[in-house]
Amino acid sequence: MSIYKDYLKQIEERKEKGLHPQPIDGAELLSKIIEQIKDLDNEYREDSLDFFIYNVLPGTTSAAGVKAKFLKEIILGESVVKEITPAFALEQLSHMKGGPSVAVLLDVALGSDVALAKQAAEVLKTQVFLYEADTTRLEEALNNGSEIAKDIIESYAKAEFFTKLPEIEEEIQVVTYIAGVGDISTDLLSPGGDAHSRSDRELHGQCMFEHNKDMQNELLALKKQHPDKRVMLIAEKGTMGVGSSRMSGVNNVALWTGVPFSKYVPFINFAPVIAGTNGIAPIFLTTVGVTGGIGLDLKNWVKQKDADGNTIVDADGEPNLKQMYSVATGTVLTINTKEKKLYHDKVELKDISAAFTPQKMEFMKAGGSYAVVFGKKLQTFASKVLGIDVVPVYAPSKEITIEGQGLTAVEKIFNKNAVGTSGATLHAGSYVRAEVNIVGSQDTTGLMTSQELEMMAATVISPIVDGAYQSGCHTASVWDDKSKANIPRLMSFMNDFGLITGRDPKGKYFPMTDVIHKVLNDITVGDWDIIIGGDSHTRMSKGVAFGADSGTVALALATGEASMPIPESVKVTFKGQMKSYMDFRDVVHATQSQMLKQFGGENVFQGRVIEVHIGTLTADEAFTFTDWTAEMKAKASICISEDETLIESLEIAKGRIQIMIDKGMDNAKGVLKGLVNKAETRITELKTGIKPSLRPDANAKYHAEVVIDLDEIAEPMIADPDVNNDDVSKRYTHDNIRPLSYYGGVKKVDLGFVGSCMVHKGDMKILAQMLKNVEAQKGKVEFKAPLVVAPPTYNIVDELKAEGDWDVLVKYSGFEFDDNAPKGLARTKYENMLYLERPGCNLCMGNQEKAEPGDTVMATSTRLFQGRVVKDTGEKKGESLLSSTPVVVLSTILGRTPTMAEYEAAVDGIVLTKFKPSTKQLVK
C-alpha cells in the first residue's frame, strides 16, 4: 500500500473519532501528493490539492521544504497548476513562517525576473522569522548593489512587518464561561494522561475539561448563541492555570475559543481570553502571552476587612468573601483595550491595565510573543546594516531605577544578563530582555517544543546558551507504544538541534530517565545564571529559574534570550532550631503555613520571587525548598548561600556532570566539559574571594519579609487537598497545611509514594534506615499498604548501590525495575509491598501510572490536584496528601497515618537533616 493510501486509511480512522485529517509534516507523503497534483487525470488530484493548500504544517518540517520547493516551481513557471497561480503561490509562502519558505522568497526576490522579484519582496517585508543565513544573503545582495535588497532592508528598519498590522480592537465583546470554582489546574485544560497527543492539536483538543463532553457542549452552545463574541474562560473564586505552564492547555483553550492563525494552517489558534478571580498563575500567564491572549485578574470576590483593616474570618478561620460583581456563565462583558477597563452594560467593573501593558498589547497585535522577539532582532539587524539608529517602533523596554535603593538577588541577576538596555541600574517592574544560560525540555512538552522550533524555522541551538538538556522523565514509568513512537523521535530531533539528551539516538549510552529538574539543578553551575525549563518545577538551588511553556523554551533555545518583567521579591529568613526528628520537608510546608498566618491568609508569594536566605543547605536539599515554591504560586525562587556551601554544591555538580561525560553524553561542542570548566572557574572565584556568592544589597526593597520560626515546627506537616470541604473553592489548594496529629493516627492510607523531584539521595537513605529500624523493633517489615519508590536519577541509584543502601531496599522489595525489560503497561493494581520503580516522575506526573481510584495516597510529590495522582470513584474521592519521606514510609507500614510516638520511634537515630540557619551575613 502506498503512503497516500495509508494516509487515506488514517483519515477514515480519524473520522470515526470526529477528527479531520492530521496535518502533514512529512516530505514523503507530500511528495506523493504533489505527484498526484501534477497528474491531471489522477483520481486523487482534487483531494491532493486541498491537502497541499490547507493541510501542511509550516516552518522547517520536511513537508514545508517540499511545499516551498513546489511553490517556487509554480512561481517561476517551471510547473503549471491552474488552481495555484504564481500570486497564490506567493500568498501560500507568506503563511509558512520562515525556513524553506524564506529561502524561496529570497531566491525569487534576488533573482533576475524584476516583476517577480518585486512581488516576492513585498511578501518578504511581512516576514519576521529570518535567521543569520537569510539576513547574510540580504546584506551581501545590498553590498552588491541590489535595489530590491535595499528596499527590503529599509522596510525591516522601519519594522513595517509590525507597523502595518491591524491595530487591536478598541472593544472586545466576551461572554463568560465558568470552568470551575476555586483554583483550576492546567490538568483540567490539558490532562497529564493525554500528554502523548499534545502534538496532534485537534486530537488533544478532545481532552479539554478532562474529556467532559457536557462542559464542551455547553461551551459550543455558548459560542453558537454569541457568534460575534469571544468566550472568556474563568476560574471563579480561584486562580486559573495553577500547576504548570502547559502550552497544550492554552492551545486547547485557543482551539475552542480563539482566533484561527491562518486559513492555510489547521488547528493553530491564538488570542484566547482567560481569567480568574485571583488572576492567572504566573507561568501560565506567560503562556497566554505567547499566544497573544488576554489574561485577566478579575478580583470579583474580595476579602472583607474590619475597621482596623484586619481580615474578617468565619468560624473556621477562613476569610469572608464578598462578591463585587457577577461573572456567571453567559454574562456578556466588554473589554475596552484603550481605556483598559472591564465593563458590563456600560458600567465599569474593573481596571485591567495589568493585562494591557505596552508589551502585552504588542504580543496581541503581532499574534504572539515570538513575532515580537524576532521582529526586534530583524529591525536591529536592518538598522545596523544601513548604519542608522533603530527607529522607536516597539514600546521601549520599561526601565525603573530608584536612586539610593539596593538590589534584590533577582534584580542583580537581571542587571547582569540584560541586553538592549540603557545601562541604568534596573529595579523590579522593569521589562527586560535577558540572556539565558541553561535551558531544559521535558518529554511530554518536548514534542510541542520541537514543533515550535520548526514553526519558527530554527535549526540549531543559540551559541549564547551554555547548556541544554532534553529529558525522558515524564514517560519513564511505562515504555508503551505511545512512548516508543514519540520519545526516540523527540530525542533525535533535540540531539540534532544541539541539546544533551537522556536517550542517545545512536545508542552509544544507555537510555536514562532522570528527572529534568534534578539534571538542570546539577548542570546549573552559576549562581548568577538564568534558567528556562519546560516544567513548572524549573526552580534551581543556584541562579534563578523560570518554568515556561513549550514555546518559550523553544524561543530560549533558538535565540538564547527570554523577555519578562523583573519580578518583585519576598525575603524569607529563618530563626530558631529544628528538632532532631523533623525533616526539611516540614520546613518547606511550615514556610507556606506560617506565611499565610503572618499575612492574614494573603499569599504574598504569588507571582513573586521567593528570596530564601537558606545559607547552609547544599544543592540537593536547597532544591527541595525551591521546588515547592511552584506550589506556593511563586514565579521563581533564589537560594542565598554561604560561599562554603556554594563551593560544596558546585563540587557535587562537577562530579555529576563528569559522570554524564564518562557515559558518553557530551556532544561535539563539548557542552558538558564547558560546564565543568565554568564550575571550576566559579569555585576559584569563591575560594580566592574575587567574587563572593550572590547576595542582595542590605538596602534592597522587598514586597514583604517573612520570618520562619523553626521552633514552632513541632511535628510533621502535611499538605492536604481537603477534598470534602463544603466550599469547593477551598479544595485542592496547596495552602491547607496540617500537623500530623490532626489525623489522630487513624486516617487510612491506601498507597504511599516516595519519589519525584522533591526527594534526593538523602531520602533514599532515610527510607533504607527506617526499614532497618522497623525490622529491629518489630522483627520484620510488613507493609499494610503498597509503597512505590522512584529515585529521581540513575546517579542516585548508582551511589546507593556503591554505599550498600540499594541492597537494603531490594531486600524488602517485591519488585525492582529492569531497564532491559521496562514495563509495557501501566500498573492498575498494587500489592502491599515495596515497588522499586525506574527513575523518573512516576505517580507525580499522573500520565502513565496512577493510584487505584478512590485511594488515599500519602506522597512526597508536589501535586494534590483532583485526578492527578488518583481519580475519584462514585463512592469516594481520591486524596493525595503530601508529606515527608519518613511519614510516607511509616504510613504504608501501618496502613494509616502514624501517631507522633510511632513517628519518633521510627526515625530514632536517623539524621533527617542538618539544617541550621546561617549565622553569617547573607547581604552585601
Foldseek 3Di string as FASTA:
>chain_A
DDPQVVQVVVQVVVVVVVDHRFADQACRNLVVLVVQCLVPPRPCNVVSVVNLQARHAAFFRNNNLNSLVVLLCQLVVVGPGPVAHNLNSLVSLLLRQDANSLVSLLCQLLDDPPVSVQSSLVSLLLHQLDDPVNLVSLLVCVVVPDPSSVVSLVSLLVLCNQVVFDADDQKAKEFEDELEEAEDALCQLQNLQNLLCLVRLVVSLCCHRNNPVVSLVVLVVLCVVCVRHFYEYEHENYAYHAFALALSSQLSQQLSTFADPDSRYPSGGAAHHYEYCQWYQQQVVLSNQQQLYFTFNQVQKDFDADPVRATDADPVLHTDIDGQDDNYGGFMWMQRLVQQFIGGPNHTRDRGVVRRDQQSSSQNRSRGDVSVVSSVVSSVSSCVSVVHDRDPDGDPFAFDDDPPFWAALLQVLQLVFFPDDPNGRGHFQTKTKGFAAEEEEEQSQLVVLLSLLSSSNFQAFDPSYLAYEYADFLVQAACAPSCVVRVLVSQVSVVRRPHQYQQDNVRLFARWHFAGLVLVQLLPQALSGEYEYCTCLNAFQGHKYFHHHSNQSSVCRRPSIDIGTRFFEEEEAEDADADQLDFVLQVLLLQLQQVCVVVSNDLPQAAGEYEYAQAADAGLQSSLNQSLSSLSSHRYYYYQYFLVRSLVNLVVSLVVLVVCVVSVRADPVRSSVSSNVVNVVVNVCSVVVVDHRRFIAPRHDHPYYHYRYNVPSPAWKKQWQPPPPPNNNSGFRRSDIDGLCVQVFDAFAAEEEEADSNDALLLLQLLLLLQVLCCVVPVHFWFPHEYEYAHNTVVSVVVCVVVVSVVSLVVFFPEAADSVDRHHAEDADDDLGYYYGYHHHALQSQNGYAYHAQGEYEYQHNGFGANRRHHHDPVHGYTYMHTGSLQRSVCRRVSTGHDPVSSCSSSPPPRNDPRDGDPDDRHD
